[in-house]
PDB file of N, CA and C in Angstrom:
ATOM      1  N   MET A   1      -2.775  -4.167   8.789  1.00  0.00           N
ATOM      2  CA  MET A   1      -2.627  -4.001   7.359  1.00  0.00           C
ATOM      3  C   MET A   1      -1.669  -2.860   7.036  1.00  0.00           C
ATOM      4  N   LYS A   2      -1.643  -1.868   7.901  1.00  0.00           N
ATOM      5  CA  LYS A   2      -0.718  -0.766   7.703  1.00  0.00           C
ATOM      6  C   LYS A   2       0.721  -1.287   7.694  1.00  0.00           C
ATOM      7  N   GLU A   3       1.023  -2.193   8.613  1.00  0.00           N
ATOM      8  CA  GLU A   3       2.370  -2.744   8.705  1.00  0.00           C
ATOM      9  C   GLU A   3       2.707  -3.556   7.459  1.00  0.00           C
ATOM     10  N   LEU A   4       1.741  -4.285   6.924  1.00  0.00           N
ATOM     11  CA  LEU A   4       1.952  -5.080   5.724  1.00  0.00           C
ATOM     12  C   LEU A   4       2.337  -4.191   4.550  1.00  0.00           C
ATOM     13  N   VAL A   5       1.609  -3.118   4.347  1.00  0.00           N
ATOM     14  CA  VAL A   5       1.900  -2.193   3.246  1.00  0.00           C
ATOM     15  C   VAL A   5       3.269  -1.549   3.450  1.00  0.00           C
ATOM     16  N   GLU A   6       3.563  -1.181   4.683  1.00  0.00           N
ATOM     17  CA  GLU A   6       4.841  -0.530   4.969  1.00  0.00           C
ATOM     18  C   GLU A   6       6.017  -1.473   4.700  1.00  0.00           C
ATOM     19  N   ILE A   7       5.916  -2.713   5.126  1.00  0.00           N
ATOM     20  CA  ILE A   7       6.988  -3.687   4.895  1.00  0.00           C
ATOM     21  C   ILE A   7       7.183  -3.941   3.406  1.00  0.00           C
ATOM     22  N   LEU A   8       6.082  -4.105   2.682  1.00  0.00           N
ATOM     23  CA  LEU A   8       6.177  -4.340   1.243  1.00  0.00           C
ATOM     24  C   LEU A   8       6.811  -3.151   0.527  1.00  0.00           C
ATOM     25  N   ALA A   9       6.382  -1.950   0.866  1.00  0.00           N
ATOM     26  CA  ALA A   9       6.895  -0.754   0.194  1.00  0.00           C
ATOM     27  C   ALA A   9       8.373  -0.537   0.520  1.00  0.00           C
ATOM     28  N   ARG A  10       8.748  -0.720   1.782  1.00  0.00           N
ATOM     29  CA  ARG A  10      10.148  -0.513   2.166  1.00  0.00           C
ATOM     30  C   ARG A  10      11.084  -1.494   1.469  1.00  0.00           C
ATOM     31  N   SER A  11      10.605  -2.688   1.199  1.00  0.00           N
ATOM     32  CA  SER A  11      11.458  -3.672   0.532  1.00  0.00           C
ATOM     33  C   SER A  11      11.619  -3.382  -0.960  1.00  0.00           C
ATOM     34  N   LEU A  12      10.743  -2.563  -1.526  1.00  0.00           N
ATOM     35  CA  LEU A  12      10.788  -2.268  -2.954  1.00  0.00           C
ATOM     36  C   LEU A  12      11.614  -1.033  -3.313  1.00  0.00           C
ATOM     37  N   VAL A  13      11.659  -0.051  -2.441  1.00  0.00           N
ATOM     38  CA  VAL A  13      12.221   1.254  -2.797  1.00  0.00           C
ATOM     39  C   VAL A  13      13.693   1.378  -2.426  1.00  0.00           C
ATOM     40  N   ASP A  14      14.343   2.404  -3.005  1.00  0.00           N
ATOM     41  CA  ASP A  14      15.739   2.701  -2.694  1.00  0.00           C
ATOM     42  C   ASP A  14      15.867   3.547  -1.430  1.00  0.00           C
ATOM     43  N   GLN A  15      14.837   4.325  -1.126  1.00  0.00           N
ATOM     44  CA  GLN A  15      14.857   5.195   0.049  1.00  0.00           C
ATOM     45  C   GLN A  15      13.754   4.770   1.021  1.00  0.00           C
ATOM     46  N   PRO A  16      14.003   3.730   1.819  1.00  0.00           N
ATOM     47  CA  PRO A  16      12.950   3.225   2.707  1.00  0.00           C
ATOM     48  C   PRO A  16      12.541   4.205   3.806  1.00  0.00           C
ATOM     49  N   ASP A  17      13.402   5.179   4.122  1.00  0.00           N
ATOM     50  CA  ASP A  17      13.046   6.155   5.151  1.00  0.00           C
ATOM     51  C   ASP A  17      11.969   7.122   4.679  1.00  0.00           C
ATOM     52  N   GLU A  18      11.769   7.238   3.376  1.00  0.00           N
ATOM     53  CA  GLU A  18      10.784   8.151   2.810  1.00  0.00           C
ATOM     54  C   GLU A  18       9.391   7.538   2.721  1.00  0.00           C
ATOM     55  N   VAL A  19       9.246   6.263   3.079  1.00  0.00           N
ATOM     56  CA  VAL A  19       7.949   5.589   2.988  1.00  0.00           C
ATOM     57  C   VAL A  19       7.063   6.029   4.153  1.00  0.00           C
ATOM     58  N   LYS A  20       5.883   6.529   3.829  1.00  0.00           N
ATOM     59  CA  LYS A  20       4.904   6.954   4.826  1.00  0.00           C
ATOM     60  C   LYS A  20       3.574   6.266   4.517  1.00  0.00           C
ATOM     61  N   VAL A  21       2.993   5.651   5.521  1.00  0.00           N
ATOM     62  CA  VAL A  21       1.709   4.976   5.359  1.00  0.00           C
ATOM     63  C   VAL A  21       0.736   5.562   6.366  1.00  0.00           C
ATOM     64  N   SER A  22      -0.418   5.997   5.885  1.00  0.00           N
ATOM     65  CA  SER A  22      -1.443   6.519   6.783  1.00  0.00           C
ATOM     66  C   SER A  22      -2.750   5.780   6.530  1.00  0.00           C
ATOM     67  N   VAL A  23      -3.547   5.672   7.573  1.00  0.00           N
ATOM     68  CA  VAL A  23      -4.802   4.922   7.499  1.00  0.00           C
ATOM     69  C   VAL A  23      -5.965   5.862   7.803  1.00  0.00           C
ATOM     70  N   VAL A  24      -6.971   5.833   6.937  1.00  0.00           N
ATOM     71  CA  VAL A  24      -8.201   6.596   7.144  1.00  0.00           C
ATOM     72  C   VAL A  24      -9.326   5.583   7.262  1.00  0.00           C
ATOM     73  N   GLU A  25      -9.901   5.475   8.457  1.00  0.00           N
ATOM     74  CA  GLU A  25     -10.968   4.499   8.675  1.00  0.00           C
ATOM     75  C   GLU A  25     -12.319   5.155   8.507  1.00  0.00           C
ATOM     76  N   GLN A  26     -13.178   4.449   7.798  1.00  0.00           N
ATOM     77  CA  GLN A  26     -14.554   4.880   7.626  1.00  0.00           C
ATOM     78  C   GLN A  26     -15.441   3.803   8.235  1.00  0.00           C
ATOM     79  N   GLU A  27     -16.736   3.874   8.012  1.00  0.00           N
ATOM     80  CA  GLU A  27     -17.645   2.925   8.649  1.00  0.00           C
ATOM     81  C   GLU A  27     -17.306   1.476   8.333  1.00  0.00           C
ATOM     82  N   LYS A  28     -17.389   1.122   7.079  1.00  0.00           N
ATOM     83  CA  LYS A  28     -17.148  -0.263   6.693  1.00  0.00           C
ATOM     84  C   LYS A  28     -15.918  -0.429   5.819  1.00  0.00           C
ATOM     85  N   SER A  29     -15.179   0.628   5.614  1.00  0.00           N
ATOM     86  CA  SER A  29     -14.014   0.521   4.748  1.00  0.00           C
ATOM     87  C   SER A  29     -12.825   1.264   5.349  1.00  0.00           C
ATOM     88  N   VAL A  30     -11.667   0.915   4.857  1.00  0.00           N
ATOM     89  CA  VAL A  30     -10.417   1.517   5.304  1.00  0.00           C
ATOM     90  C   VAL A  30      -9.645   1.947   4.065  1.00  0.00           C
ATOM     91  N   VAL A  31      -9.106   3.159   4.086  1.00  0.00           N
ATOM     92  CA  VAL A  31      -8.272   3.649   2.995  1.00  0.00           C
ATOM     93  C   VAL A  31      -6.839   3.755   3.523  1.00  0.00           C
ATOM     94  N   ILE A  32      -5.934   3.063   2.861  1.00  0.00           N
ATOM     95  CA  ILE A  32      -4.527   3.108   3.240  1.00  0.00           C
ATOM     96  C   ILE A  32      -3.801   3.929   2.183  1.00  0.00           C
ATOM     97  N   GLU A  33      -3.189   5.028   2.616  1.00  0.00           N
ATOM     98  CA  GLU A  33      -2.453   5.902   1.701  1.00  0.00           C
ATOM     99  C   GLU A  33      -0.966   5.615   1.833  1.00  0.00           C
ATOM    100  N   LEU A  34      -0.336   5.344   0.704  1.00  0.00           N
ATOM    101  CA  LEU A  34       1.089   5.049   0.661  1.00  0.00           C
ATOM    102  C   LEU A  34       1.803   6.197  -0.038  1.00  0.00           C
ATOM    103  N   ARG A  35       2.768   6.788   0.648  1.00  0.00           N
ATOM    104  CA  ARG A  35       3.571   7.870   0.073  1.00  0.00           C
ATOM    105  C   ARG A  35       5.027   7.434   0.029  1.00  0.00           C
ATOM    106  N   VAL A  36       5.653   7.616  -1.134  1.00  0.00           N
ATOM    107  CA  VAL A  36       7.068   7.295  -1.301  1.00  0.00           C
ATOM    108  C   VAL A  36       7.758   8.468  -1.973  1.00  0.00           C
ATOM    109  N   ALA A  37       9.081   8.410  -2.011  1.00  0.00           N
ATOM    110  CA  ALA A  37       9.845   9.456  -2.687  1.00  0.00           C
ATOM    111  C   ALA A  37       9.476   9.456  -4.180  1.00  0.00           C
ATOM    112  N   PRO A  38       9.483  10.624  -4.805  1.00  0.00           N
ATOM    113  CA  PRO A  38       9.088  10.692  -6.227  1.00  0.00           C
ATOM    114  C   PRO A  38       9.899   9.777  -7.140  1.00  0.00           C
ATOM    115  N   GLU A  39      11.181   9.608  -6.869  1.00  0.00           N
ATOM    116  CA  GLU A  39      11.991   8.744  -7.733  1.00  0.00           C
ATOM    117  C   GLU A  39      11.724   7.254  -7.500  1.00  0.00           C
ATOM    118  N   ASP A  40      11.056   6.903  -6.411  1.00  0.00           N
ATOM    119  CA  ASP A  40      10.713   5.508  -6.134  1.00  0.00           C
ATOM    120  C   ASP A  40       9.289   5.157  -6.555  1.00  0.00           C
ATOM    121  N   MET A  41       8.555   6.127  -7.065  1.00  0.00           N
ATOM    122  CA  MET A  41       7.163   5.899  -7.434  1.00  0.00           C
ATOM    123  C   MET A  41       7.032   4.792  -8.482  1.00  0.00           C
ATOM    124  N   GLY A  42       7.911   4.772  -9.456  1.00  0.00           N
ATOM    125  CA  GLY A  42       7.863   3.747 -10.501  1.00  0.00           C
ATOM    126  C   GLY A  42       8.102   2.357  -9.973  1.00  0.00           C
ATOM    127  N   LYS A  43       8.937   2.233  -8.957  1.00  0.00           N
ATOM    128  CA  LYS A  43       9.219   0.926  -8.378  1.00  0.00           C
ATOM    129  C   LYS A  43       8.021   0.378  -7.620  1.00  0.00           C
ATOM    130  N   VAL A  44       7.248   1.250  -7.006  1.00  0.00           N
ATOM    131  CA  VAL A  44       6.072   0.815  -6.253  1.00  0.00           C
ATOM    132  C   VAL A  44       4.912   0.497  -7.202  1.00  0.00           C
ATOM    133  N   ILE A  45       4.808   1.244  -8.292  1.00  0.00           N
ATOM    134  CA  ILE A  45       3.722   1.006  -9.242  1.00  0.00           C
ATOM    135  C   ILE A  45       4.050  -0.172 -10.152  1.00  0.00           C
ATOM    136  N   GLY A  46       5.270  -0.243 -10.655  1.00  0.00           N
ATOM    137  CA  GLY A  46       5.670  -1.342 -11.528  1.00  0.00           C
ATOM    138  C   GLY A  46       5.206  -1.146 -12.956  1.00  0.00           C
ATOM    139  N   LYS A  47       5.657  -2.044 -13.826  1.00  0.00           N
ATOM    140  CA  LYS A  47       5.261  -1.973 -15.229  1.00  0.00           C
ATOM    141  C   LYS A  47       3.783  -2.289 -15.359  1.00  0.00           C
ATOM    142  N   GLN A  48       3.068  -1.380 -15.986  1.00  0.00           N
ATOM    143  CA  GLN A  48       1.626  -1.484 -16.200  1.00  0.00           C
ATOM    144  C   GLN A  48       0.856  -1.666 -14.891  1.00  0.00           C
ATOM    145  N   GLY A  49       1.442  -1.205 -13.774  1.00  0.00           N
ATOM    146  CA  GLY A  49       0.754  -1.245 -12.493  1.00  0.00           C
ATOM    147  C   GLY A  49       0.705  -2.615 -11.837  1.00  0.00           C
ATOM    148  N   ARG A  50       1.571  -3.520 -12.253  1.00  0.00           N
ATOM    149  CA  ARG A  50       1.513  -4.893 -11.733  1.00  0.00           C
ATOM    150  C   ARG A  50       1.884  -4.982 -10.260  1.00  0.00           C
ATOM    151  N   ILE A  51       2.886  -4.248  -9.828  1.00  0.00           N
ATOM    152  CA  ILE A  51       3.291  -4.317  -8.421  1.00  0.00           C
ATOM    153  C   ILE A  51       2.225  -3.672  -7.544  1.00  0.00           C
ATOM    154  N   ALA A  52       1.679  -2.545  -7.983  1.00  0.00           N
ATOM    155  CA  ALA A  52       0.606  -1.893  -7.221  1.00  0.00           C
ATOM    156  C   ALA A  52      -0.602  -2.821  -7.110  1.00  0.00           C
ATOM    157  N   LYS A  53      -0.926  -3.513  -8.177  1.00  0.00           N
ATOM    158  CA  LYS A  53      -2.051  -4.445  -8.154  1.00  0.00           C
ATOM    159  C   LYS A  53      -1.767  -5.599  -7.195  1.00  0.00           C
ATOM    160  N   ALA A  54      -0.532  -6.080  -7.179  1.00  0.00           N
ATOM    161  CA  ALA A  54      -0.172  -7.174  -6.278  1.00  0.00           C
ATOM    162  C   ALA A  54      -0.271  -6.735  -4.814  1.00  0.00           C
ATOM    163  N   ILE A  55       0.181  -5.512  -4.522  1.00  0.00           N
ATOM    164  CA  ILE A  55       0.072  -4.987  -3.156  1.00  0.00           C
ATOM    165  C   ILE A  55      -1.388  -4.900  -2.749  1.00  0.00           C
ATOM    166  N   ARG A  56      -2.228  -4.384  -3.637  1.00  0.00           N
ATOM    167  CA  ARG A  56      -3.657  -4.268  -3.334  1.00  0.00           C
ATOM    168  C   ARG A  56      -4.285  -5.644  -3.113  1.00  0.00           C
ATOM    169  N   THR A  57      -3.883  -6.636  -3.896  1.00  0.00           N
ATOM    170  CA  THR A  57      -4.422  -7.984  -3.749  1.00  0.00           C
ATOM    171  C   THR A  57      -4.052  -8.580  -2.400  1.00  0.00           C
ATOM    172  N   LEU A  58      -2.801  -8.414  -1.989  1.00  0.00           N
ATOM    173  CA  LEU A  58      -2.367  -8.931  -0.695  1.00  0.00           C
ATOM    174  C   LEU A  58      -3.112  -8.274   0.457  1.00  0.00           C
ATOM    175  N   VAL A  59      -3.294  -6.973   0.362  1.00  0.00           N
ATOM    176  CA  VAL A  59      -3.988  -6.250   1.430  1.00  0.00           C
ATOM    177  C   VAL A  59      -5.462  -6.651   1.483  1.00  0.00           C
ATOM    178  N   LYS A  60      -6.083  -6.825   0.328  1.00  0.00           N
ATOM    179  CA  LYS A  60      -7.487  -7.252   0.315  1.00  0.00           C
ATOM    180  C   LYS A  60      -7.641  -8.648   0.903  1.00  0.00           C
ATOM    181  N   ALA A  61      -6.678  -9.523   0.632  1.00  0.00           N
ATOM    182  CA  ALA A  61      -6.741 -10.868   1.203  1.00  0.00           C
ATOM    183  C   ALA A  61      -6.620 -10.818   2.727  1.00  0.00           C
ATOM    184  N   ALA A  62      -5.766  -9.949   3.234  1.00  0.00           N
ATOM    185  CA  ALA A  62      -5.633  -9.798   4.681  1.00  0.00           C
ATOM    186  C   ALA A  62      -6.876  -9.153   5.281  1.00  0.00           C
ATOM    187  N   ALA A  63      -7.539  -8.294   4.517  1.00  0.00           N
ATOM    188  CA  ALA A  63      -8.724  -7.587   5.018  1.00  0.00           C
ATOM    189  C   ALA A  63      -9.943  -8.490   5.100  1.00  0.00           C
ATOM    190  N   ILE A  64      -9.969  -9.533   4.302  1.00  0.00           N
ATOM    191  CA  ILE A  64     -11.112 -10.441   4.319  1.00  0.00           C
ATOM    192  C   ILE A  64     -11.279 -11.051   5.702  1.00  0.00           C
ATOM    193  N   LYS A  65     -10.171 -11.340   6.365  1.00  0.00           N
ATOM    194  CA  LYS A  65     -10.236 -11.922   7.706  1.00  0.00           C
ATOM    195  C   LYS A  65     -10.886 -10.962   8.704  1.00  0.00           C
ATOM    196  N   GLN A  66     -10.712  -9.668   8.486  1.00  0.00           N
ATOM    197  CA  GLN A  66     -11.284  -8.670   9.384  1.00  0.00           C
ATOM    198  C   GLN A  66     -12.650  -8.183   8.905  1.00  0.00           C
ATOM    199  N   ARG A  67     -13.114  -8.717   7.799  1.00  0.00           N
ATOM    200  CA  ARG A  67     -14.412  -8.359   7.221  1.00  0.00           C
ATOM    201  C   ARG A  67     -14.557  -6.860   6.990  1.00  0.00           C
ATOM    202  N   LYS A  68     -13.528  -6.299   6.376  1.00  0.00           N
ATOM    203  CA  LYS A  68     -13.557  -4.880   6.012  1.00  0.00           C
ATOM    204  C   LYS A  68     -13.156  -4.735   4.559  1.00  0.00           C
ATOM    205  N   ARG A  69     -13.538  -3.623   3.980  1.00  0.00           N
ATOM    206  CA  ARG A  69     -13.097  -3.281   2.631  1.00  0.00           C
ATOM    207  C   ARG A  69     -11.895  -2.363   2.759  1.00  0.00           C
ATOM    208  N   VAL A  70     -10.867  -2.691   2.035  1.00  0.00           N
ATOM    209  CA  VAL A  70      -9.646  -1.903   2.106  1.00  0.00           C
ATOM    210  C   VAL A  70      -9.271  -1.430   0.721  1.00  0.00           C
ATOM    211  N   THR A  71      -8.898  -0.172   0.627  1.00  0.00           N
ATOM    212  CA  THR A  71      -8.415   0.428  -0.605  1.00  0.00           C
ATOM    213  C   THR A  71      -7.024   0.964  -0.365  1.00  0.00           C
ATOM    214  N   VAL A  72      -6.103   0.647  -1.258  1.00  0.00           N
ATOM    215  CA  VAL A  72      -4.730   1.157  -1.145  1.00  0.00           C
ATOM    216  C   VAL A  72      -4.563   2.230  -2.215  1.00  0.00           C
ATOM    217  N   GLU A  73      -4.204   3.424  -1.782  1.00  0.00           N
ATOM    218  CA  GLU A  73      -3.955   4.533  -2.699  1.00  0.00           C
ATOM    219  C   GLU A  73      -2.480   4.907  -2.633  1.00  0.00           C
ATOM    220  N   ILE A  74      -1.863   5.019  -3.786  1.00  0.00           N
ATOM    221  CA  ILE A  74      -0.457   5.417  -3.852  1.00  0.00           C
ATOM    222  C   ILE A  74      -0.425   6.877  -4.280  1.00  0.00           C
ATOM    223  N   VAL A  75       0.025   7.735  -3.352  1.00  0.00           N
ATOM    224  CA  VAL A  75       0.060   9.176  -3.616  1.00  0.00           C
ATOM    225  C   VAL A  75       1.459   9.706  -3.546  1.00  0.00           C
TER     226      VAL A  75
END
């Protein structure tokens, strides 16, 4: 799932080298933190958060196969 978030974020931003994805695993859930350059933050979030919501939806769909709860945080 980390790779999925990284590929999606890199395709959206102007500075793909600034994309950093880290994973924090807990018992039954996983938190994926996405960091991008400050000027690319709007591109990852999108108008009214639509792109961020779409990224979260894709990751949750992939997580269902692994039977884990996944949260994507954009920091």
